[in-house]
């Protein structure tokens, strides 16, 4: 893992911004990104902080994977925030060729989560499965260090439930199946996956004013089929948060009539 991700919180916060500025300078010159200056081995069983909400012990020198977000901020800053979306996509593609980058983009809430993009992210993690298994990860609780399987279940259960709902296979096998199905998904495949994810989204939708209407499967299918290609692509992965956003948008539309 890059050395700029290890240390006290203020130190990593500074180092990751500096790395982003360095990446931005090279990208401005030739459209590429430099490899990290120094890679360090993560000892077996060592803890990696994978989400900012559990990064409480900021005075301890630990691995802070979630601060790749600071690298991206520094990258955008170096480029004066010009065309951030193509730059983000290019940096993600670069990072997916590394174990640490593949894991970050698979578990982070970074948009977009189309079926195609999610397939690429999961396939990248699966390529690095063995080395990533040696660490333990803090993600949803500061007290519970997770195995890689537990981390992927906590962060990507929506993908497995929407795209590989059957069977009692291992997390790895379900992710492999889900990624393969996403990679070749038709629009109808994505609609079916979104409908499978809808009950979970409805549980989290606390204040819908027209719950019975927006939750009706026939209406949902009609509205999904009517989305333009760009809007549909953004939700085609069936991520719970994206499905929720659709429900709230449709609920607001119904309130205007």
C-alpha atoms as a PDB file:
ATOM      1  CA  UNK A   1       0.000   0.000   0.000  1.00  0.00           C
ATOM      2  CA  UNK A   2       1.324   3.532  -0.686  1.00  0.00           C
ATOM      3  CA  UNK A   3       3.233   5.042   2.206  1.00  0.00           C
ATOM      4  CA  UNK A   4       1.165   8.219   1.915  1.00  0.00           C
ATOM      5  CA  UNK A   5      -1.796   6.281   3.367  1.00  0.00           C
ATOM      6  CA  UNK A   6      -0.006   5.391   6.603  1.00  0.00           C
ATOM      7  CA  UNK A   7       0.506   7.583   9.647  1.00  0.00           C
ATOM      8  CA  UNK A   8      -1.252   9.925  12.042  1.00  0.00           C
ATOM      9  CA  UNK A   9      -4.428  11.456  10.642  1.00  0.00           C
ATOM     10  CA  UNK A  10      -3.013  14.985  10.105  1.00  0.00           C
ATOM     11  CA  UNK A  11       0.076  13.489   8.495  1.00  0.00           C
ATOM     12  CA  UNK A  12      -1.895  11.306   6.064  1.00  0.00           C
ATOM     13  CA  UNK A  13      -4.278  14.187   5.384  1.00  0.00           C
ATOM     14  CA  UNK A  14      -1.306  16.282   4.281  1.00  0.00           C
ATOM     15  CA  UNK A  15       0.516  13.534   2.399  1.00  0.00           C
ATOM     16  CA  UNK A  16      -2.528  12.506   0.385  1.00  0.00           C
ATOM     17  CA  UNK A  17      -3.179  16.079  -0.763  1.00  0.00           C
ATOM     18  CA  UNK A  18       0.462  16.376  -1.777  1.00  0.00           C
ATOM     19  CA  UNK A  19       0.159  13.127  -3.733  1.00  0.00           C
ATOM     20  CA  UNK A  20      -2.930  14.466  -5.479  1.00  0.00           C
ATOM     21  CA  UNK A  21      -1.104  17.637  -6.490  1.00  0.00           C
ATOM     22  CA  UNK A  22       1.761  15.520  -7.832  1.00  0.00           C
ATOM     23  CA  UNK A  23      -0.646  13.387  -9.838  1.00  0.00           C
ATOM     24  CA  UNK A  24      -2.345  16.488 -11.188  1.00  0.00           C
ATOM     25  CA  UNK A  25       0.936  17.969 -12.372  1.00  0.00           C
ATOM     26  CA  UNK A  26       1.805  14.864 -14.369  1.00  0.00           C
ATOM     27  CA  UNK A  27      -1.726  14.477 -15.712  1.00  0.00           C
ATOM     28  CA  UNK A  28      -1.587  18.057 -16.970  1.00  0.00           C
ATOM     29  CA  UNK A  29       1.647  17.257 -18.832  1.00  0.00           C
ATOM     30  CA  UNK A  30       0.853  13.968 -20.543  1.00  0.00           C
ATOM     31  CA  UNK A  31      -2.508  12.607 -19.345  1.00  0.00           C
ATOM     32  CA  UNK A  32      -0.959   9.903 -17.137  1.00  0.00           C
ATOM     33  CA  UNK A  33      -0.531   9.378 -13.399  1.00  0.00           C
ATOM     34  CA  UNK A  34       2.742   8.593 -11.592  1.00  0.00           C
ATOM     35  CA  UNK A  35       2.996   5.458  -9.460  1.00  0.00           C
ATOM     36  CA  UNK A  36       3.345   6.044  -5.706  1.00  0.00           C
ATOM     37  CA  UNK A  37       6.894   6.923  -4.708  1.00  0.00           C
ATOM     38  CA  UNK A  38       6.973   4.271  -1.986  1.00  0.00           C
ATOM     39  CA  UNK A  39       4.959   1.111  -1.398  1.00  0.00           C
ATOM     40  CA  UNK A  40       4.930  -0.587   1.999  1.00  0.00           C
ATOM     41  CA  UNK A  41       3.828  -4.093   2.865  1.00  0.00           C
ATOM     42  CA  UNK A  42       0.794  -4.326   5.132  1.00  0.00           C
ATOM     43  CA  UNK A  43       1.692  -6.961   7.759  1.00  0.00           C
ATOM     44  CA  UNK A  44      -0.821  -9.844   8.023  1.00  0.00           C
ATOM     45  CA  UNK A  45      -3.661  -9.006  10.368  1.00  0.00           C
ATOM     46  CA  UNK A  46      -2.879  -5.268  10.480  1.00  0.00           C
ATOM     47  CA  UNK A  47      -5.913  -2.977  10.510  1.00  0.00           C
ATOM     48  CA  UNK A  48      -6.815  -0.729   7.579  1.00  0.00           C
ATOM     49  CA  UNK A  49      -9.307   2.094   8.209  1.00  0.00           C
ATOM     50  CA  UNK A  50     -11.608   1.859   5.215  1.00  0.00           C
ATOM     51  CA  UNK A  51     -14.284   4.435   6.078  1.00  0.00           C
ATOM     52  CA  UNK A  52     -14.009   7.946   7.494  1.00  0.00           C
ATOM     53  CA  UNK A  53     -16.884   7.433   9.954  1.00  0.00           C
ATOM     54  CA  UNK A  54     -14.752   4.987  11.990  1.00  0.00           C
ATOM     55  CA  UNK A  55     -11.495   6.965  11.902  1.00  0.00           C
ATOM     56  CA  UNK A  56     -11.642   8.062  15.540  1.00  0.00           C
ATOM     57  CA  UNK A  57      -8.138   7.276  16.761  1.00  0.00           C
ATOM     58  CA  UNK A  58      -6.471  10.004  14.794  1.00  0.00           C
ATOM     59  CA  UNK A  59      -3.442  10.117  17.052  1.00  0.00           C
ATOM     60  CA  UNK A  60      -2.491   6.545  16.111  1.00  0.00           C
ATOM     61  CA  UNK A  61      -0.336   5.761  13.047  1.00  0.00           C
ATOM     62  CA  UNK A  62      -2.547   3.434  10.988  1.00  0.00           C
ATOM     63  CA  UNK A  63      -3.444   2.724   7.357  1.00  0.00           C
ATOM     64  CA  UNK A  64      -6.107   5.159   6.190  1.00  0.00           C
ATOM     65  CA  UNK A  65      -7.460   3.846   2.891  1.00  0.00           C
ATOM     66  CA  UNK A  66     -10.453   6.167   2.929  1.00  0.00           C
ATOM     67  CA  UNK A  67      -8.182   9.203   2.511  1.00  0.00           C
ATOM     68  CA  UNK A  68      -7.665   8.383  -1.152  1.00  0.00           C
ATOM     69  CA  UNK A  69     -10.509  10.894  -1.372  1.00  0.00           C
ATOM     70  CA  UNK A  70      -7.949  13.539  -0.383  1.00  0.00           C
ATOM     71  CA  UNK A  71      -5.688  12.444  -3.236  1.00  0.00           C
ATOM     72  CA  UNK A  72      -8.556  13.101  -5.607  1.00  0.00           C
ATOM     73  CA  UNK A  73      -9.214  16.506  -4.077  1.00  0.00           C
ATOM     74  CA  UNK A  74      -5.561  17.425  -4.548  1.00  0.00           C
ATOM     75  CA  UNK A  75      -5.736  16.147  -8.115  1.00  0.00           C
ATOM     76  CA  UNK A  76      -8.725  18.346  -8.915  1.00  0.00           C
ATOM     77  CA  UNK A  77      -7.041  21.293  -7.183  1.00  0.00           C
ATOM     78  CA  UNK A  78      -3.914  20.890  -9.328  1.00  0.00           C
ATOM     79  CA  UNK A  79      -6.108  21.006 -12.418  1.00  0.00           C
ATOM     80  CA  UNK A  80      -8.087  24.052 -11.196  1.00  0.00           C
ATOM     81  CA  UNK A  81     -11.204  21.866 -10.970  1.00  0.00           C
ATOM     82  CA  UNK A  82     -11.437  21.715 -14.757  1.00  0.00           C
ATOM     83  CA  UNK A  83     -13.400  18.718 -16.117  1.00  0.00           C
ATOM     84  CA  UNK A  84     -13.350  16.771 -12.827  1.00  0.00           C
ATOM     85  CA  UNK A  85     -15.515  13.899 -14.088  1.00  0.00           C
ATOM     86  CA  UNK A  86     -13.162  12.713 -16.887  1.00  0.00           C
ATOM     87  CA  UNK A  87     -10.220  13.159 -14.495  1.00  0.00           C
ATOM     88  CA  UNK A  88     -11.985  11.154 -11.803  1.00  0.00           C
ATOM     89  CA  UNK A  89     -12.734   8.381 -14.280  1.00  0.00           C
ATOM     90  CA  UNK A  90      -9.135   8.300 -15.503  1.00  0.00           C
ATOM     91  CA  UNK A  91      -7.758   8.193 -11.947  1.00  0.00           C
ATOM     92  CA  UNK A  92     -10.145   5.406 -10.996  1.00  0.00           C
ATOM     93  CA  UNK A  93      -9.062   3.379 -14.034  1.00  0.00           C
ATOM     94  CA  UNK A  94      -5.440   3.890 -12.975  1.00  0.00           C
ATOM     95  CA  UNK A  95      -6.166   2.875  -9.380  1.00  0.00           C
ATOM     96  CA  UNK A  96      -8.119  -0.243 -10.304  1.00  0.00           C
ATOM     97  CA  UNK A  97      -4.823  -1.757 -11.465  1.00  0.00           C
ATOM     98  CA  UNK A  98      -3.646  -1.784  -7.831  1.00  0.00           C
ATOM     99  CA  UNK A  99      -4.956  -3.765  -4.871  1.00  0.00           C
ATOM    100  CA  UNK A 100      -5.443  -0.679  -2.688  1.00  0.00           C
ATOM    101  CA  UNK A 101      -7.132   1.338  -5.437  1.00  0.00           C
ATOM    102  CA  UNK A 102      -9.404  -1.511  -6.483  1.00  0.00           C
ATOM    103  CA  UNK A 103     -10.626  -1.959  -2.924  1.00  0.00           C
ATOM    104  CA  UNK A 104     -11.166   1.754  -2.343  1.00  0.00           C
ATOM    105  CA  UNK A 105     -13.363   2.246  -5.394  1.00  0.00           C
ATOM    106  CA  UNK A 106     -15.338  -0.941  -4.758  1.00  0.00           C
ATOM    107  CA  UNK A 107     -16.340  -0.027  -1.195  1.00  0.00           C
ATOM    108  CA  UNK A 108     -16.476   3.776  -1.266  1.00  0.00           C
ATOM    109  CA  UNK A 109     -19.694   5.710  -1.928  1.00  0.00           C
ATOM    110  CA  UNK A 110     -18.096   7.237  -5.022  1.00  0.00           C
ATOM    111  CA  UNK A 111     -20.550   7.820  -7.885  1.00  0.00           C
ATOM    112  CA  UNK A 112     -21.444   6.585 -10.431  1.00  0.00           C
ATOM    113  CA  UNK A 113     -22.631   3.055  -9.723  1.00  0.00           C
ATOM    114  CA  UNK A 114     -23.840   1.924 -13.123  1.00  0.00           C
ATOM    115  CA  UNK A 115     -23.924  -1.804 -13.800  1.00  0.00           C
ATOM    116  CA  UNK A 116     -20.922  -1.489 -16.103  1.00  0.00           C
ATOM    117  CA  UNK A 117     -18.841   0.557 -13.649  1.00  0.00           C
ATOM    118  CA  UNK A 118     -19.706  -1.620 -10.678  1.00  0.00           C
ATOM    119  CA  UNK A 119     -18.745  -4.739 -12.633  1.00  0.00           C
ATOM    120  CA  UNK A 120     -15.325  -3.246 -13.336  1.00  0.00           C
ATOM    121  CA  UNK A 121     -14.862  -2.349  -9.667  1.00  0.00           C
ATOM    122  CA  UNK A 122     -15.830  -5.772  -8.374  1.00  0.00           C
ATOM    123  CA  UNK A 123     -13.726  -7.561 -10.983  1.00  0.00           C
ATOM    124  CA  UNK A 124     -10.732  -5.460  -9.920  1.00  0.00           C
ATOM    125  CA  UNK A 125     -11.147  -6.441  -6.261  1.00  0.00           C
ATOM    126  CA  UNK A 126     -11.533 -10.092  -7.215  1.00  0.00           C
ATOM    127  CA  UNK A 127      -8.214  -9.994  -9.071  1.00  0.00           C
ATOM    128  CA  UNK A 128      -6.470  -8.918  -5.848  1.00  0.00           C
ATOM    129  CA  UNK A 129      -8.526 -11.098  -3.482  1.00  0.00           C
ATOM    130  CA  UNK A 130      -5.662 -13.111  -1.999  1.00  0.00           C
ATOM    131  CA  UNK A 131      -3.370 -10.224  -0.958  1.00  0.00           C
ATOM    132  CA  UNK A 132      -6.331  -8.201   0.315  1.00  0.00           C
ATOM    133  CA  UNK A 133      -7.384 -11.079   2.573  1.00  0.00           C
ATOM    134  CA  UNK A 134      -4.336 -10.711   4.810  1.00  0.00           C
ATOM    135  CA  UNK A 135      -5.451  -7.409   6.374  1.00  0.00           C
ATOM    136  CA  UNK A 136      -8.379  -6.562   8.660  1.00  0.00           C
ATOM    137  CA  UNK A 137     -10.639  -3.599   7.994  1.00  0.00           C
ATOM    138  CA  UNK A 138     -12.565  -1.010   9.999  1.00  0.00           C
ATOM    139  CA  UNK A 139     -15.634   0.022   8.039  1.00  0.00           C
ATOM    140  CA  UNK A 140     -18.969   0.134   9.839  1.00  0.00           C
ATOM    141  CA  UNK A 141     -17.810   0.011  13.458  1.00  0.00           C
ATOM    142  CA  UNK A 142     -14.660   1.358  15.126  1.00  0.00           C
ATOM    143  CA  UNK A 143     -14.591  -1.714  17.394  1.00  0.00           C
ATOM    144  CA  UNK A 144     -15.093  -4.540  14.903  1.00  0.00           C
ATOM    145  CA  UNK A 145     -12.202  -5.339  12.553  1.00  0.00           C
ATOM    146  CA  UNK A 146     -13.619  -7.170   9.541  1.00  0.00           C
ATOM    147  CA  UNK A 147     -12.199  -9.803   7.256  1.00  0.00           C
ATOM    148  CA  UNK A 148     -12.242  -9.019   3.540  1.00  0.00           C
ATOM    149  CA  UNK A 149     -15.357 -11.172   3.130  1.00  0.00           C
ATOM    150  CA  UNK A 150     -17.115  -9.312   5.942  1.00  0.00           C
ATOM    151  CA  UNK A 151     -16.021  -5.956   4.513  1.00  0.00           C
ATOM    152  CA  UNK A 152     -17.382  -6.773   1.061  1.00  0.00           C
ATOM    153  CA  UNK A 153     -20.627  -8.039   2.567  1.00  0.00           C
ATOM    154  CA  UNK A 154     -21.001  -4.833   4.596  1.00  0.00           C
ATOM    155  CA  UNK A 155     -20.266  -2.537   1.646  1.00  0.00           C
ATOM    156  CA  UNK A 156     -21.567  -4.459  -1.374  1.00  0.00           C
ATOM    157  CA  UNK A 157     -24.436  -6.565  -0.051  1.00  0.00           C
ATOM    158  CA  UNK A 158     -26.757  -4.577  -2.309  1.00  0.00           C
ATOM    159  CA  UNK A 159     -24.861  -5.789  -5.386  1.00  0.00           C
ATOM    160  CA  UNK A 160     -25.042  -9.421  -4.292  1.00  0.00           C
ATOM    161  CA  UNK A 161     -28.719  -9.218  -3.343  1.00  0.00           C
ATOM    162  CA  UNK A 162     -29.757  -7.444  -6.541  1.00  0.00           C
ATOM    163  CA  UNK A 163     -27.620  -9.436  -8.965  1.00  0.00           C
ATOM    164  CA  UNK A 164     -27.003 -12.795  -7.275  1.00  0.00           C
ATOM    165  CA  UNK A 165     -29.925 -13.353  -4.875  1.00  0.00           C
ATOM    166  CA  UNK A 166     -29.971 -17.130  -5.083  1.00  0.00           C
ATOM    167  CA  UNK A 167     -27.825 -19.706  -3.355  1.00  0.00           C
ATOM    168  CA  UNK A 168     -25.673 -19.836  -0.237  1.00  0.00           C
ATOM    169  CA  UNK A 169     -22.298 -19.487  -1.939  1.00  0.00           C
ATOM    170  CA  UNK A 170     -19.342 -17.664  -0.464  1.00  0.00           C
ATOM    171  CA  UNK A 171     -19.074 -13.888  -0.664  1.00  0.00           C
ATOM    172  CA  UNK A 172     -16.362 -14.230  -3.274  1.00  0.00           C
ATOM    173  CA  UNK A 173     -18.463 -16.530  -5.451  1.00  0.00           C
ATOM    174  CA  UNK A 174     -21.496 -14.270  -5.202  1.00  0.00           C
ATOM    175  CA  UNK A 175     -19.419 -11.222  -6.124  1.00  0.00           C
ATOM    176  CA  UNK A 176     -17.991 -13.080  -9.119  1.00  0.00           C
ATOM    177  CA  UNK A 177     -21.485 -13.988 -10.278  1.00  0.00           C
ATOM    178  CA  UNK A 178     -22.850 -10.488  -9.661  1.00  0.00           C
ATOM    179  CA  UNK A 179     -19.960  -8.849 -11.531  1.00  0.00           C
ATOM    180  CA  UNK A 180     -20.355 -11.204 -14.498  1.00  0.00           C
ATOM    181  CA  UNK A 181     -24.081 -10.494 -14.711  1.00  0.00           C
ATOM    182  CA  UNK A 182     -23.584  -6.736 -14.434  1.00  0.00           C
ATOM    183  CA  UNK A 183     -20.924  -6.792 -17.136  1.00  0.00           C
ATOM    184  CA  UNK A 184     -23.324  -8.286 -19.689  1.00  0.00           C
ATOM    185  CA  UNK A 185     -26.563  -6.771 -18.373  1.00  0.00           C
ATOM    186  CA  UNK A 186     -29.259  -5.555 -20.734  1.00  0.00           C
ATOM    187  CA  UNK A 187     -31.583  -2.729 -19.756  1.00  0.00           C
ATOM    188  CA  UNK A 188     -34.236  -5.299 -18.828  1.00  0.00           C
ATOM    189  CA  UNK A 189     -31.710  -7.134 -16.626  1.00  0.00           C
ATOM    190  CA  UNK A 190     -31.009  -3.897 -14.770  1.00  0.00           C
ATOM    191  CA  UNK A 191     -34.715  -3.166 -14.321  1.00  0.00           C
ATOM    192  CA  UNK A 192     -35.189  -6.590 -12.751  1.00  0.00           C
ATOM    193  CA  UNK A 193     -32.211  -5.996 -10.446  1.00  0.00           C
ATOM    194  CA  UNK A 194     -33.567  -2.593  -9.404  1.00  0.00           C
ATOM    195  CA  UNK A 195     -36.964  -4.116  -8.643  1.00  0.00           C
ATOM    196  CA  UNK A 196     -35.266  -6.748  -6.463  1.00  0.00           C
ATOM    197  CA  UNK A 197     -33.507  -3.975  -4.570  1.00  0.00           C
ATOM    198  CA  UNK A 198     -36.637  -1.827  -4.202  1.00  0.00           C
ATOM    199  CA  UNK A 199     -37.977  -3.442  -0.976  1.00  0.00           C
ATOM    200  CA  UNK A 200     -34.719  -2.638   0.819  1.00  0.00           C
ATOM    201  CA  UNK A 201     -34.813   0.937  -0.489  1.00  0.00           C
ATOM    202  CA  UNK A 202     -38.398   1.341   0.705  1.00  0.00           C
ATOM    203  CA  UNK A 203     -37.390   0.263   4.215  1.00  0.00           C
ATOM    204  CA  UNK A 204     -34.901   3.158   4.299  1.00  0.00           C
ATOM    205  CA  UNK A 205     -37.332   5.671   2.753  1.00  0.00           C
ATOM    206  CA  UNK A 206     -38.717   7.175   5.944  1.00  0.00           C
ATOM    207  CA  UNK A 207     -40.798  10.112   4.759  1.00  0.00           C
ATOM    208  CA  UNK A 208     -42.345   9.272   1.405  1.00  0.00           C
ATOM    209  CA  UNK A 209     -45.715  10.988   1.011  1.00  0.00           C
ATOM    210  CA  UNK A 210     -46.944   8.609  -1.695  1.00  0.00           C
ATOM    211  CA  UNK A 211     -45.360   5.341  -0.540  1.00  0.00           C
ATOM    212  CA  UNK A 212     -48.062   3.056  -1.938  1.00  0.00           C
ATOM    213  CA  UNK A 213     -47.851   4.681  -5.353  1.00  0.00           C
ATOM    214  CA  UNK A 214     -44.080   4.948  -5.784  1.00  0.00           C
ATOM    215  CA  UNK A 215     -43.647   1.463  -4.366  1.00  0.00           C
ATOM    216  CA  UNK A 216     -46.050  -0.153  -6.816  1.00  0.00           C
ATOM    217  CA  UNK A 217     -44.026  -2.608  -8.968  1.00  0.00           C
ATOM    218  CA  UNK A 218     -45.999  -1.923 -12.148  1.00  0.00           C
ATOM    219  CA  UNK A 219     -45.556   1.830 -11.828  1.00  0.00           C
ATOM    220  CA  UNK A 220     -41.884   1.389 -10.972  1.00  0.00           C
ATOM    221  CA  UNK A 221     -41.328  -0.714 -14.080  1.00  0.00           C
ATOM    222  CA  UNK A 222     -43.061   1.898 -16.252  1.00  0.00           C
ATOM    223  CA  UNK A 223     -41.034   4.761 -14.802  1.00  0.00           C
ATOM    224  CA  UNK A 224     -37.752   2.878 -15.119  1.00  0.00           C
ATOM    225  CA  UNK A 225     -38.521   2.031 -18.747  1.00  0.00           C
ATOM    226  CA  UNK A 226     -39.233   5.714 -19.434  1.00  0.00           C
ATOM    227  CA  UNK A 227     -35.872   7.007 -18.140  1.00  0.00           C
ATOM    228  CA  UNK A 228     -33.547   8.416 -20.789  1.00  0.00           C
ATOM    229  CA  UNK A 229     -30.359   6.384 -21.412  1.00  0.00           C
ATOM    230  CA  UNK A 230     -28.082   8.646 -19.375  1.00  0.00           C
ATOM    231  CA  UNK A 231     -30.371   8.753 -16.335  1.00  0.00           C
ATOM    232  CA  UNK A 232     -30.937   5.015 -16.517  1.00  0.00           C
ATOM    233  CA  UNK A 233     -27.229   4.259 -16.752  1.00  0.00           C
ATOM    234  CA  UNK A 234     -26.595   6.052 -13.461  1.00  0.00           C
ATOM    235  CA  UNK A 235     -28.981   3.725 -11.595  1.00  0.00           C
ATOM    236  CA  UNK A 236     -28.462   0.578 -13.661  1.00  0.00           C
ATOM    237  CA  UNK A 237     -26.276  -1.027 -10.995  1.00  0.00           C
ATOM    238  CA  UNK A 238     -29.269  -1.095  -8.603  1.00  0.00           C
ATOM    239  CA  UNK A 239     -27.341   0.493  -5.717  1.00  0.00           C
ATOM    240  CA  UNK A 240     -29.686   1.138  -2.790  1.00  0.00           C
ATOM    241  CA  UNK A 241     -28.791   4.831  -2.506  1.00  0.00           C
ATOM    242  CA  UNK A 242     -29.454   5.394  -6.211  1.00  0.00           C
ATOM    243  CA  UNK A 243     -32.792   3.581  -5.994  1.00  0.00           C
ATOM    244  CA  UNK A 244     -33.683   5.725  -2.972  1.00  0.00           C
ATOM    245  CA  UNK A 245     -32.885   8.894  -4.905  1.00  0.00           C
ATOM    246  CA  UNK A 246     -35.271   7.770  -7.656  1.00  0.00           C
ATOM    247  CA  UNK A 247     -38.040   7.071  -5.154  1.00  0.00           C
ATOM    248  CA  UNK A 248     -37.710  10.508  -3.579  1.00  0.00           C
ATOM    249  CA  UNK A 249     -37.631  12.214  -6.978  1.00  0.00           C
ATOM    250  CA  UNK A 250     -40.782  10.426  -8.111  1.00  0.00           C
ATOM    251  CA  UNK A 251     -42.472  11.126  -4.784  1.00  0.00           C
ATOM    252  CA  UNK A 252     -41.788  14.856  -5.229  1.00  0.00           C
ATOM    253  CA  UNK A 253     -43.170  14.744  -8.762  1.00  0.00           C
ATOM    254  CA  UNK A 254     -46.390  13.169  -7.527  1.00  0.00           C
ATOM    255  CA  UNK A 255     -46.694  15.946  -4.932  1.00  0.00           C
ATOM    256  CA  UNK A 256     -46.743  18.563  -7.667  1.00  0.00           C
ATOM    257  CA  UNK A 257     -49.817  17.065  -9.351  1.00  0.00           C
END
